[in-house]
Amino acid sequence: MKLILASLVLLSASYSFAAKTYQVTGPVLEVTDSKIVVEKGKEKWEVERTAATKVTGDLKVGEKVTIEYTMSAATVEVKAAKKK
């Protein structure tokens, strides 16, 4: 029992460090080696595609897809607050 509890604690700790994932679903408007463009409502969502992107099925324009993605900061610029 203690082993199972310890395993669950370690598993939950590893999930707390994982990046939060998001989803967008809609028809594909454009596909290249570096991006997938999906229409969501009236908006176009452009999602980066890399060699590590796992694709299941035949990805092509017109197909309805659900893309799971994460957001991470590439750069952060801190600006000084205005003094009163």
Protein backbone atom coordinates (compact mmCIF):
# COMPACT_ATOMS: atom_id res chain seq x y z
CA MET A 1 0.00 0.00 0.00
CA LYS A 2 2.83 2.40 0.88
CA LEU A 3 4.49 1.67 -2.47
CA ILE A 4 1.30 2.53 -4.36
CA LEU A 5 0.89 5.76 -2.39
CA ALA A 6 4.51 6.73 -3.03
CA SER A 7 4.08 6.04 -6.74
CA LEU A 8 0.98 8.22 -6.89
CA VAL A 9 2.77 11.08 -5.11
CA LEU A 10 5.68 10.91 -7.56
CA LEU A 11 3.32 10.71 -10.51
CA SER A 12 1.29 13.71 -9.38
CA ALA A 13 4.49 15.68 -8.75
CA SER A 14 5.69 15.02 -12.28
CA TYR A 15 2.38 16.27 -13.69
CA SER A 16 2.64 19.51 -11.73
CA PHE A 17 5.81 20.38 -13.67
CA ALA A 18 4.29 19.54 -17.06
CA ALA A 19 3.21 22.40 -19.33
CA LYS A 20 -0.49 23.14 -19.49
CA THR A 21 -2.03 22.04 -22.76
CA TYR A 22 -4.74 23.76 -24.79
CA GLN A 23 -6.85 22.69 -27.77
CA VAL A 24 -8.18 24.26 -30.93
CA THR A 25 -10.63 22.47 -33.23
CA GLY A 26 -11.70 23.40 -36.73
CA PRO A 27 -11.15 22.91 -40.44
CA VAL A 28 -7.59 23.11 -41.77
CA LEU A 29 -7.00 26.14 -44.00
CA GLU A 30 -3.28 25.63 -44.67
CA VAL A 31 -0.60 23.02 -43.98
CA THR A 32 3.16 23.39 -44.38
CA ASP A 33 6.19 21.70 -42.85
CA SER A 34 6.35 24.50 -40.27
CA LYS A 35 2.72 25.40 -39.51
CA ILE A 36 -0.93 24.36 -39.49
CA VAL A 37 -3.62 27.03 -39.89
CA VAL A 38 -7.06 26.20 -38.48
CA GLU A 39 -10.27 28.23 -38.63
CA LYS A 40 -12.03 28.61 -35.28
CA GLY A 41 -15.21 30.61 -35.70
CA LYS A 42 -14.16 33.71 -37.64
CA GLU A 43 -10.54 33.53 -36.46
CA LYS A 44 -7.51 31.87 -38.07
CA TRP A 45 -5.25 30.07 -35.61
CA GLU A 46 -1.68 29.43 -36.76
CA VAL A 47 0.08 26.70 -34.80
CA GLU A 48 3.76 25.86 -35.21
CA ARG A 49 4.54 22.41 -36.61
CA THR A 50 7.89 20.75 -35.92
CA ALA A 51 9.52 17.40 -36.61
CA ALA A 52 8.27 16.33 -33.16
CA THR A 53 4.60 17.06 -34.00
CA LYS A 54 2.67 13.78 -33.93
CA VAL A 55 0.01 13.58 -36.65
CA THR A 56 -2.60 10.84 -36.68
CA GLY A 57 -4.46 10.50 -39.98
CA ASP A 58 -4.19 12.32 -43.31
CA LEU A 59 -3.51 15.99 -42.52
CA LYS A 60 -4.70 18.13 -45.43
CA VAL A 61 -6.67 21.29 -46.19
CA GLY A 62 -10.38 20.91 -45.48
CA GLU A 63 -10.08 18.17 -42.85
CA LYS A 64 -11.47 18.89 -39.38
CA VAL A 65 -8.75 18.55 -36.76
CA THR A 66 -8.19 19.01 -33.06
CA ILE A 67 -4.74 20.37 -32.25
CA GLU A 68 -3.34 20.08 -28.75
CA TYR A 69 -0.65 22.66 -28.02
CA THR A 70 1.24 24.38 -25.21
CA MET A 71 2.29 27.97 -24.74
CA SER A 72 5.71 28.91 -23.45
CA ALA A 73 7.53 32.22 -23.19
CA ALA A 74 10.33 32.77 -25.71
CA THR A 75 11.40 36.13 -24.29
CA VAL A 76 10.20 38.42 -21.50
CA GLU A 77 10.89 42.15 -21.42
CA VAL A 78 10.12 43.88 -18.12
CA LYS A 79 9.29 47.57 -18.40
CA ALA A 80 9.65 49.92 -15.47
CA ALA A 81 6.38 50.97 -13.91
CA LYS A 82 5.45 54.62 -14.28
CA LYS A 83 6.14 56.62 -11.14
CA LYS A 84 3.28 58.65 -9.71
